[in-house]
């Protein structure tokens, strides 16, 4: 992979990764095992990065078995999303999970959760809270401490109420009378 490709990888990730090495078995669509000793890394409920000794082509759909420690293996189908060369020989590729049972999907999600807090999500919520505090404080300052703005706001209250009921009526109309 070039430096440019490595820089673009984080922007494509939409979910947190389970940073570990899991034993991975790769089989073709008919079930014939291609590599019984591959490794899966950066696992999410949407896909994973894998290292294998066999050649695999971009776009290939394959069956996989993730061997989770002290648990029944997780199986499904995935599609090769990108291919690269491993620095230790072999092939590195990204796999997008395209088919997995509901049970295995839940078990995979349970294995991805770790004890503790999701500080990224917590920071995002804190930022939204700060944004709303700033908006409410700004509205408070404009409406209650500026007589000219307070007069304009009071004149607009009936218009805002009418727009609310107009929007509500249109929603009911387009939804088929709320059914």
C-alpha atoms as a PDB file:
ATOM      1  CA  UNK A   1       0.000   0.000   0.000  1.00  0.00           C
ATOM      2  CA  UNK A   2       1.185   3.475  -0.706  1.00  0.00           C
ATOM      3  CA  UNK A   3       1.308   6.224   1.926  1.00  0.00           C
ATOM      4  CA  UNK A   4      -1.662   7.912   0.281  1.00  0.00           C
ATOM      5  CA  UNK A   5      -3.845   4.782   0.598  1.00  0.00           C
ATOM      6  CA  UNK A   6      -2.903   4.351   4.247  1.00  0.00           C
ATOM      7  CA  UNK A   7      -3.924   7.946   4.973  1.00  0.00           C
ATOM      8  CA  UNK A   8      -7.361   7.385   3.391  1.00  0.00           C
ATOM      9  CA  UNK A   9      -8.190   4.230   5.376  1.00  0.00           C
ATOM     10  CA  UNK A  10      -9.394   5.919   8.599  1.00  0.00           C
ATOM     11  CA  UNK A  11     -11.855   8.108   6.673  1.00  0.00           C
ATOM     12  CA  UNK A  12     -13.563   4.997   5.251  1.00  0.00           C
ATOM     13  CA  UNK A  13     -14.089   3.460   8.681  1.00  0.00           C
ATOM     14  CA  UNK A  14     -17.523   4.116  10.060  1.00  0.00           C
ATOM     15  CA  UNK A  15     -17.418   1.818  13.091  1.00  0.00           C
ATOM     16  CA  UNK A  16     -14.989   0.996  15.854  1.00  0.00           C
ATOM     17  CA  UNK A  17     -12.571  -1.858  15.202  1.00  0.00           C
ATOM     18  CA  UNK A  18     -11.903  -4.858  17.419  1.00  0.00           C
ATOM     19  CA  UNK A  19      -8.111  -4.744  17.352  1.00  0.00           C
ATOM     20  CA  UNK A  20      -7.049  -8.350  17.678  1.00  0.00           C
ATOM     21  CA  UNK A  21      -5.900 -11.363  15.720  1.00  0.00           C
ATOM     22  CA  UNK A  22      -8.502 -14.050  15.154  1.00  0.00           C
ATOM     23  CA  UNK A  23      -7.919 -17.335  13.374  1.00  0.00           C
ATOM     24  CA  UNK A  24      -9.786 -17.289  10.095  1.00  0.00           C
ATOM     25  CA  UNK A  25     -10.745 -20.034   7.692  1.00  0.00           C
ATOM     26  CA  UNK A  26     -11.446 -19.013   4.095  1.00  0.00           C
ATOM     27  CA  UNK A  27     -13.498 -21.222   1.764  1.00  0.00           C
ATOM     28  CA  UNK A  28     -14.795 -20.689  -1.759  1.00  0.00           C
ATOM     29  CA  UNK A  29     -18.509 -20.382  -2.542  1.00  0.00           C
ATOM     30  CA  UNK A  30     -18.875 -24.185  -2.769  1.00  0.00           C
ATOM     31  CA  UNK A  31     -17.339 -24.683   0.691  1.00  0.00           C
ATOM     32  CA  UNK A  32     -13.892 -25.913  -0.396  1.00  0.00           C
ATOM     33  CA  UNK A  33     -11.326 -24.639   2.135  1.00  0.00           C
ATOM     34  CA  UNK A  34      -8.788 -22.304   0.520  1.00  0.00           C
ATOM     35  CA  UNK A  35      -6.849 -21.312   3.657  1.00  0.00           C
ATOM     36  CA  UNK A  36      -7.420 -22.871   7.074  1.00  0.00           C
ATOM     37  CA  UNK A  37      -4.783 -20.714   8.793  1.00  0.00           C
ATOM     38  CA  UNK A  38      -5.538 -17.133   7.720  1.00  0.00           C
ATOM     39  CA  UNK A  39      -5.686 -14.277  10.243  1.00  0.00           C
ATOM     40  CA  UNK A  40      -8.424 -11.651  10.687  1.00  0.00           C
ATOM     41  CA  UNK A  41      -7.611  -8.211  12.106  1.00  0.00           C
ATOM     42  CA  UNK A  42      -9.553  -4.995  12.770  1.00  0.00           C
ATOM     43  CA  UNK A  43     -12.859  -6.862  12.982  1.00  0.00           C
ATOM     44  CA  UNK A  44     -16.205  -5.004  12.968  1.00  0.00           C
ATOM     45  CA  UNK A  45     -19.779  -6.133  12.459  1.00  0.00           C
ATOM     46  CA  UNK A  46     -19.409  -4.882   8.856  1.00  0.00           C
ATOM     47  CA  UNK A  47     -16.120  -6.544   7.892  1.00  0.00           C
ATOM     48  CA  UNK A  48     -12.483  -7.205   8.662  1.00  0.00           C
ATOM     49  CA  UNK A  49      -8.931  -7.047   7.338  1.00  0.00           C
ATOM     50  CA  UNK A  50      -7.359 -10.424   6.641  1.00  0.00           C
ATOM     51  CA  UNK A  51      -3.973 -11.935   5.851  1.00  0.00           C
ATOM     52  CA  UNK A  52      -3.728 -15.103   3.788  1.00  0.00           C
ATOM     53  CA  UNK A  53      -1.161 -17.140   1.888  1.00  0.00           C
ATOM     54  CA  UNK A  54      -3.534 -17.853  -1.033  1.00  0.00           C
ATOM     55  CA  UNK A  55      -4.224 -15.567  -3.963  1.00  0.00           C
ATOM     56  CA  UNK A  56      -7.619 -13.947  -3.875  1.00  0.00           C
ATOM     57  CA  UNK A  57      -9.138 -11.515  -6.369  1.00  0.00           C
ATOM     58  CA  UNK A  58     -10.908  -8.225  -5.737  1.00  0.00           C
ATOM     59  CA  UNK A  59     -14.690  -8.702  -5.617  1.00  0.00           C
ATOM     60  CA  UNK A  60     -14.494 -12.410  -4.768  1.00  0.00           C
ATOM     61  CA  UNK A  61     -17.310 -13.672  -2.540  1.00  0.00           C
ATOM     62  CA  UNK A  62     -16.115 -16.286  -0.061  1.00  0.00           C
ATOM     63  CA  UNK A  63     -17.235 -18.134   3.039  1.00  0.00           C
ATOM     64  CA  UNK A  64     -15.459 -17.382   6.283  1.00  0.00           C
ATOM     65  CA  UNK A  65     -15.190 -18.871   9.737  1.00  0.00           C
ATOM     66  CA  UNK A  66     -13.890 -16.658  12.545  1.00  0.00           C
ATOM     67  CA  UNK A  67     -12.582 -18.724  15.422  1.00  0.00           C
ATOM     68  CA  UNK A  68     -13.417 -16.865  18.614  1.00  0.00           C
ATOM     69  CA  UNK A  69     -11.632 -17.859  21.816  1.00  0.00           C
ATOM     70  CA  UNK A  70     -13.674 -20.197  24.071  1.00  0.00           C
ATOM     71  CA  UNK A  71     -16.745 -19.951  21.838  1.00  0.00           C
ATOM     72  CA  UNK A  72     -18.409 -21.508  18.833  1.00  0.00           C
ATOM     73  CA  UNK A  73     -16.971 -20.215  15.512  1.00  0.00           C
ATOM     74  CA  UNK A  74     -18.741 -17.361  13.705  1.00  0.00           C
ATOM     75  CA  UNK A  75     -19.533 -18.103  10.059  1.00  0.00           C
ATOM     76  CA  UNK A  76     -20.822 -16.113   7.105  1.00  0.00           C
ATOM     77  CA  UNK A  77     -20.051 -14.843   3.629  1.00  0.00           C
ATOM     78  CA  UNK A  78     -17.909 -11.856   2.739  1.00  0.00           C
ATOM     79  CA  UNK A  79     -16.700 -10.044  -0.361  1.00  0.00           C
ATOM     80  CA  UNK A  80     -13.168  -8.835  -1.013  1.00  0.00           C
ATOM     81  CA  UNK A  81     -13.270  -5.014  -0.980  1.00  0.00           C
ATOM     82  CA  UNK A  82      -9.564  -4.251  -1.533  1.00  0.00           C
ATOM     83  CA  UNK A  83      -6.288  -6.149  -1.905  1.00  0.00           C
ATOM     84  CA  UNK A  84      -2.714  -5.374  -0.896  1.00  0.00           C
ATOM     85  CA  UNK A  85       0.576  -7.160  -0.343  1.00  0.00           C
ATOM     86  CA  UNK A  86       1.532  -8.178   3.164  1.00  0.00           C
ATOM     87  CA  UNK A  87       5.022  -7.034   4.223  1.00  0.00           C
ATOM     88  CA  UNK A  88       5.651 -10.603   5.458  1.00  0.00           C
ATOM     89  CA  UNK A  89       4.562 -12.262   2.223  1.00  0.00           C
ATOM     90  CA  UNK A  90       1.102 -13.294   1.186  1.00  0.00           C
ATOM     91  CA  UNK A  91      -1.951 -11.173   0.596  1.00  0.00           C
ATOM     92  CA  UNK A  92      -3.711  -8.640   2.795  1.00  0.00           C
ATOM     93  CA  UNK A  93      -7.295  -7.805   1.909  1.00  0.00           C
ATOM     94  CA  UNK A  94     -10.331  -6.052   3.265  1.00  0.00           C
ATOM     95  CA  UNK A  95     -13.518  -8.078   3.500  1.00  0.00           C
ATOM     96  CA  UNK A  96     -17.045  -6.721   3.672  1.00  0.00           C
ATOM     97  CA  UNK A  97     -19.495  -9.093   5.368  1.00  0.00           C
ATOM     98  CA  UNK A  98     -22.391  -9.662   2.957  1.00  0.00           C
ATOM     99  CA  UNK A  99     -24.245 -12.530   4.648  1.00  0.00           C
ATOM    100  CA  UNK A 100     -24.276 -13.666   8.262  1.00  0.00           C
ATOM    101  CA  UNK A 101     -26.929 -15.279  10.426  1.00  0.00           C
ATOM    102  CA  UNK A 102     -28.716 -13.124  12.962  1.00  0.00           C
ATOM    103  CA  UNK A 103     -27.312 -15.295  15.774  1.00  0.00           C
ATOM    104  CA  UNK A 104     -23.707 -15.018  14.550  1.00  0.00           C
ATOM    105  CA  UNK A 105     -24.131 -11.280  13.953  1.00  0.00           C
ATOM    106  CA  UNK A 106     -25.246 -10.836  17.577  1.00  0.00           C
ATOM    107  CA  UNK A 107     -22.379 -13.011  18.838  1.00  0.00           C
ATOM    108  CA  UNK A 108     -19.878 -11.012  16.772  1.00  0.00           C
ATOM    109  CA  UNK A 109     -21.257  -7.727  18.137  1.00  0.00           C
ATOM    110  CA  UNK A 110     -21.047  -9.102  21.682  1.00  0.00           C
ATOM    111  CA  UNK A 111     -17.396 -10.049  21.131  1.00  0.00           C
ATOM    112  CA  UNK A 112     -16.621  -6.549  19.830  1.00  0.00           C
ATOM    113  CA  UNK A 113     -17.916  -4.823  22.945  1.00  0.00           C
ATOM    114  CA  UNK A 114     -15.323  -4.244  25.576  1.00  0.00           C
ATOM    115  CA  UNK A 115     -15.684  -3.244  29.184  1.00  0.00           C
ATOM    116  CA  UNK A 116     -15.404   0.453  29.875  1.00  0.00           C
ATOM    117  CA  UNK A 117     -16.594   3.571  28.124  1.00  0.00           C
ATOM    118  CA  UNK A 118     -16.761   4.537  24.484  1.00  0.00           C
ATOM    119  CA  UNK A 119     -14.919   7.831  24.907  1.00  0.00           C
ATOM    120  CA  UNK A 120     -15.353   8.868  21.256  1.00  0.00           C
ATOM    121  CA  UNK A 121     -19.154   8.581  21.489  1.00  0.00           C
ATOM    122  CA  UNK A 122     -19.090  10.277  24.895  1.00  0.00           C
ATOM    123  CA  UNK A 123     -17.052  13.186  23.493  1.00  0.00           C
ATOM    124  CA  UNK A 124     -19.505  13.510  20.588  1.00  0.00           C
ATOM    125  CA  UNK A 125     -22.447  13.706  22.970  1.00  0.00           C
ATOM    126  CA  UNK A 126     -20.616  16.271  25.103  1.00  0.00           C
ATOM    127  CA  UNK A 127     -19.981  18.422  22.019  1.00  0.00           C
ATOM    128  CA  UNK A 128     -23.679  18.285  21.054  1.00  0.00           C
ATOM    129  CA  UNK A 129     -24.628  19.259  24.615  1.00  0.00           C
ATOM    130  CA  UNK A 130     -22.240  22.239  24.543  1.00  0.00           C
ATOM    131  CA  UNK A 131     -23.663  23.303  21.161  1.00  0.00           C
ATOM    132  CA  UNK A 132     -27.238  23.245  22.535  1.00  0.00           C
ATOM    133  CA  UNK A 133     -26.187  25.166  25.651  1.00  0.00           C
ATOM    134  CA  UNK A 134     -24.647  27.877  23.459  1.00  0.00           C
ATOM    135  CA  UNK A 135     -27.789  28.037  21.277  1.00  0.00           C
ATOM    136  CA  UNK A 136     -30.142  28.249  24.289  1.00  0.00           C
ATOM    137  CA  UNK A 137     -27.944  30.833  26.046  1.00  0.00           C
ATOM    138  CA  UNK A 138     -27.821  32.913  22.853  1.00  0.00           C
ATOM    139  CA  UNK A 139     -31.595  32.768  22.416  1.00  0.00           C
ATOM    140  CA  UNK A 140     -32.050  33.663  26.078  1.00  0.00           C
ATOM    141  CA  UNK A 141     -29.783  36.693  25.715  1.00  0.00           C
ATOM    142  CA  UNK A 142     -31.504  37.898  22.547  1.00  0.00           C
ATOM    143  CA  UNK A 143     -35.106  37.279  23.611  1.00  0.00           C
ATOM    144  CA  UNK A 144     -35.034  38.361  27.263  1.00  0.00           C
ATOM    145  CA  UNK A 145     -32.328  41.030  27.352  1.00  0.00           C
ATOM    146  CA  UNK A 146     -32.994  42.882  24.116  1.00  0.00           C
ATOM    147  CA  UNK A 147     -36.360  44.699  24.174  1.00  0.00           C
ATOM    148  CA  UNK A 148     -36.431  45.171  20.398  1.00  0.00           C
ATOM    149  CA  UNK A 149     -35.802  41.430  19.811  1.00  0.00           C
ATOM    150  CA  UNK A 150     -38.385  40.520  22.456  1.00  0.00           C
ATOM    151  CA  UNK A 151     -41.010  42.593  20.608  1.00  0.00           C
ATOM    152  CA  UNK A 152     -40.205  40.876  17.291  1.00  0.00           C
ATOM    153  CA  UNK A 153     -40.302  37.451  18.960  1.00  0.00           C
ATOM    154  CA  UNK A 154     -43.720  38.145  20.508  1.00  0.00           C
ATOM    155  CA  UNK A 155     -45.057  39.247  17.111  1.00  0.00           C
ATOM    156  CA  UNK A 156     -43.763  36.021  15.527  1.00  0.00           C
ATOM    157  CA  UNK A 157     -45.247  33.628  18.130  1.00  0.00           C
ATOM    158  CA  UNK A 158     -48.662  33.377  16.353  1.00  0.00           C
ATOM    159  CA  UNK A 159     -46.905  32.793  13.017  1.00  0.00           C
ATOM    160  CA  UNK A 160     -44.720  30.021  14.524  1.00  0.00           C
ATOM    161  CA  UNK A 161     -47.795  28.346  16.047  1.00  0.00           C
ATOM    162  CA  UNK A 162     -49.626  28.517  12.711  1.00  0.00           C
ATOM    163  CA  UNK A 163     -46.593  27.045  10.881  1.00  0.00           C
ATOM    164  CA  UNK A 164     -46.387  24.226  13.440  1.00  0.00           C
ATOM    165  CA  UNK A 165     -50.013  23.225  12.884  1.00  0.00           C
ATOM    166  CA  UNK A 166     -49.677  23.623   9.108  1.00  0.00           C
ATOM    167  CA  UNK A 167     -46.666  21.277   9.115  1.00  0.00           C
ATOM    168  CA  UNK A 168     -48.461  18.814  11.357  1.00  0.00           C
ATOM    169  CA  UNK A 169     -51.502  18.857   9.086  1.00  0.00           C
ATOM    170  CA  UNK A 170     -49.360  18.257   6.012  1.00  0.00           C
ATOM    171  CA  UNK A 171     -47.665  15.312   7.718  1.00  0.00           C
ATOM    172  CA  UNK A 172     -51.050  13.782   8.523  1.00  0.00           C
ATOM    173  CA  UNK A 173     -52.244  14.403   4.965  1.00  0.00           C
ATOM    174  CA  UNK A 174     -49.190  12.791   3.337  1.00  0.00           C
ATOM    175  CA  UNK A 175     -49.141   9.854   5.755  1.00  0.00           C
ATOM    176  CA  UNK A 176     -52.719   8.986   4.922  1.00  0.00           C
ATOM    177  CA  UNK A 177     -54.443  10.532   7.959  1.00  0.00           C
ATOM    178  CA  UNK A 178     -51.919   9.120  10.421  1.00  0.00           C
ATOM    179  CA  UNK A 179     -52.506   5.441   9.515  1.00  0.00           C
END
